[in-house]
Amino acid sequence: MRLFLAFVDWIRRRRQLRRERETIQYSADDPWVLQQIEKFERELKR
């Protein structure tokens, strides 16, 4: 049982690390972010 819990913990930790690497912090006034927001708004209006 203890081995199983250790294994589950290990998987959770690996997933969390991968998620942290994938999330790139963008600031709200970043031109790319503004472009994406405008693109999304245009799609909504259609």
N, C-alpha and C. Protein backbone atom coordinates (compact mmCIF):
# COMPACT_ATOMS: atom_id res chain seq x y z
N MET A 1 0.83 -1.21 0.00
CA MET A 1 0.00 0.00 0.00
C MET A 1 0.87 1.26 0.00
N ARG A 2 1.90 1.23 0.85
CA ARG A 2 2.78 2.40 0.94
C ARG A 2 3.48 2.64 -0.40
N LEU A 3 3.86 1.55 -1.07
CA LEU A 3 4.52 1.66 -2.37
C LEU A 3 3.57 2.29 -3.38
N PHE A 4 2.31 1.88 -3.34
CA PHE A 4 1.31 2.42 -4.26
C PHE A 4 1.14 3.93 -4.05
N LEU A 5 1.05 4.36 -2.78
CA LEU A 5 0.89 5.78 -2.48
C LEU A 5 2.12 6.57 -2.93
N ALA A 6 3.29 6.00 -2.75
CA ALA A 6 4.51 6.67 -3.20
C ALA A 6 4.49 6.83 -4.71
N PHE A 7 4.01 5.81 -5.41
CA PHE A 7 3.92 5.85 -6.87
C PHE A 7 2.94 6.94 -7.31
N VAL A 8 1.78 7.01 -6.66
CA VAL A 8 0.78 8.03 -6.98
C VAL A 8 1.35 9.43 -6.75
N ASP A 9 2.05 9.61 -5.64
CA ASP A 9 2.70 10.89 -5.33
C ASP A 9 3.69 11.28 -6.42
N TRP A 10 4.48 10.30 -6.86
CA TRP A 10 5.48 10.54 -7.89
C TRP A 10 4.82 11.01 -9.18
N ILE A 11 3.72 10.33 -9.56
CA ILE A 11 3.00 10.72 -10.78
C ILE A 11 2.45 12.13 -10.66
N ARG A 12 1.85 12.44 -9.53
CA ARG A 12 1.30 13.79 -9.30
C ARG A 12 2.37 14.85 -9.42
N ARG A 13 3.52 14.58 -8.81
CA ARG A 13 4.62 15.54 -8.84
C ARG A 13 5.09 15.78 -10.27
N ARG A 14 5.22 14.69 -11.05
CA ARG A 14 5.67 14.83 -12.44
C ARG A 14 4.66 15.63 -13.25
N ARG A 15 3.37 15.37 -13.06
CA ARG A 15 2.33 16.11 -13.78
C ARG A 15 2.39 17.59 -13.45
N GLN A 16 2.56 17.89 -12.16
CA GLN A 16 2.60 19.28 -11.73
C GLN A 16 3.80 20.00 -12.33
N LEU A 17 4.96 19.34 -12.34
CA LEU A 17 6.15 19.96 -12.93
C LEU A 17 5.93 20.24 -14.41
N ARG A 18 5.32 19.28 -15.12
CA ARG A 18 5.08 19.47 -16.54
C ARG A 18 4.12 20.64 -16.76
N ARG A 19 3.09 20.73 -15.92
CA ARG A 19 2.12 21.81 -16.05
C ARG A 19 2.80 23.17 -15.81
N GLU A 20 3.67 23.23 -14.82
CA GLU A 20 4.37 24.48 -14.51
C GLU A 20 5.27 24.91 -15.67
N ARG A 21 5.88 23.93 -16.34
CA ARG A 21 6.74 24.25 -17.48
C ARG A 21 5.92 24.75 -18.66
N GLU A 22 4.71 24.17 -18.84
CA GLU A 22 3.88 24.52 -19.98
C GLU A 22 3.23 25.89 -19.86
N THR A 23 2.94 26.31 -18.62
CA THR A 23 2.28 27.60 -18.47
C THR A 23 3.30 28.71 -18.53
N ILE A 24 3.22 29.49 -19.57
CA ILE A 24 4.13 30.63 -19.75
C ILE A 24 3.38 31.86 -19.27
N GLN A 25 4.03 32.64 -18.48
CA GLN A 25 3.37 33.83 -17.94
C GLN A 25 3.36 34.95 -18.97
N TYR A 26 2.16 35.39 -19.33
CA TYR A 26 2.04 36.53 -20.23
C TYR A 26 1.48 37.70 -19.43
N SER A 27 2.00 38.88 -19.67
CA SER A 27 1.41 40.04 -19.01
C SER A 27 0.23 40.49 -19.86
N ALA A 28 -0.74 41.12 -19.24
CA ALA A 28 -1.98 41.48 -19.92
C ALA A 28 -1.77 42.52 -21.02
N ASP A 29 -0.70 43.32 -20.91
CA ASP A 29 -0.47 44.34 -21.93
C ASP A 29 0.51 43.88 -23.01
N ASP A 30 0.85 42.60 -22.98
CA ASP A 30 1.69 42.02 -24.02
C ASP A 30 0.96 42.11 -25.36
N PRO A 31 1.60 42.64 -26.40
CA PRO A 31 0.93 42.80 -27.70
C PRO A 31 0.34 41.51 -28.24
N TRP A 32 1.03 40.38 -28.01
CA TRP A 32 0.51 39.10 -28.48
C TRP A 32 -0.82 38.76 -27.81
N VAL A 33 -0.88 39.01 -26.50
CA VAL A 33 -2.11 38.73 -25.75
C VAL A 33 -3.24 39.61 -26.26
N LEU A 34 -2.95 40.89 -26.47
CA LEU A 34 -3.98 41.81 -26.99
C LEU A 34 -4.48 41.33 -28.35
N GLN A 35 -3.58 40.88 -29.20
CA GLN A 35 -3.98 40.35 -30.51
C GLN A 35 -4.91 39.16 -30.36
N GLN A 36 -4.56 38.26 -29.46
CA GLN A 36 -5.38 37.06 -29.25
C GLN A 36 -6.78 37.44 -28.76
N ILE A 37 -6.85 38.41 -27.86
CA ILE A 37 -8.14 38.86 -27.33
C ILE A 37 -8.98 39.46 -28.45
N GLU A 38 -8.35 40.30 -29.28
CA GLU A 38 -9.08 40.91 -30.40
C GLU A 38 -9.58 39.84 -31.36
N LYS A 39 -8.74 38.86 -31.66
CA LYS A 39 -9.11 37.78 -32.57
C LYS A 39 -10.32 37.03 -32.00
N PHE A 40 -10.27 36.75 -30.71
CA PHE A 40 -11.34 36.00 -30.04
C PHE A 40 -12.65 36.81 -30.09
N GLU A 41 -12.55 38.11 -29.84
CA GLU A 41 -13.75 38.96 -29.87
C GLU A 41 -14.37 39.00 -31.26
N ARG A 42 -13.50 39.05 -32.30
CA ARG A 42 -14.01 39.04 -33.67
C ARG A 42 -14.75 37.74 -33.96
N GLU A 43 -14.19 36.61 -33.47
CA GLU A 43 -14.84 35.33 -33.68
C GLU A 43 -16.19 35.26 -32.99
N LEU A 44 -16.28 35.87 -31.82
CA LEU A 44 -17.55 35.87 -31.08
C LEU A 44 -18.64 36.66 -31.80
N LYS A 45 -18.25 37.73 -32.46
CA LYS A 45 -19.22 38.60 -33.13
C LYS A 45 -19.82 37.95 -34.37
N ARG A 46 -19.13 36.98 -34.95
CA ARG A 46 -19.63 36.34 -36.16
C ARG A 46 -20.90 35.56 -35.91
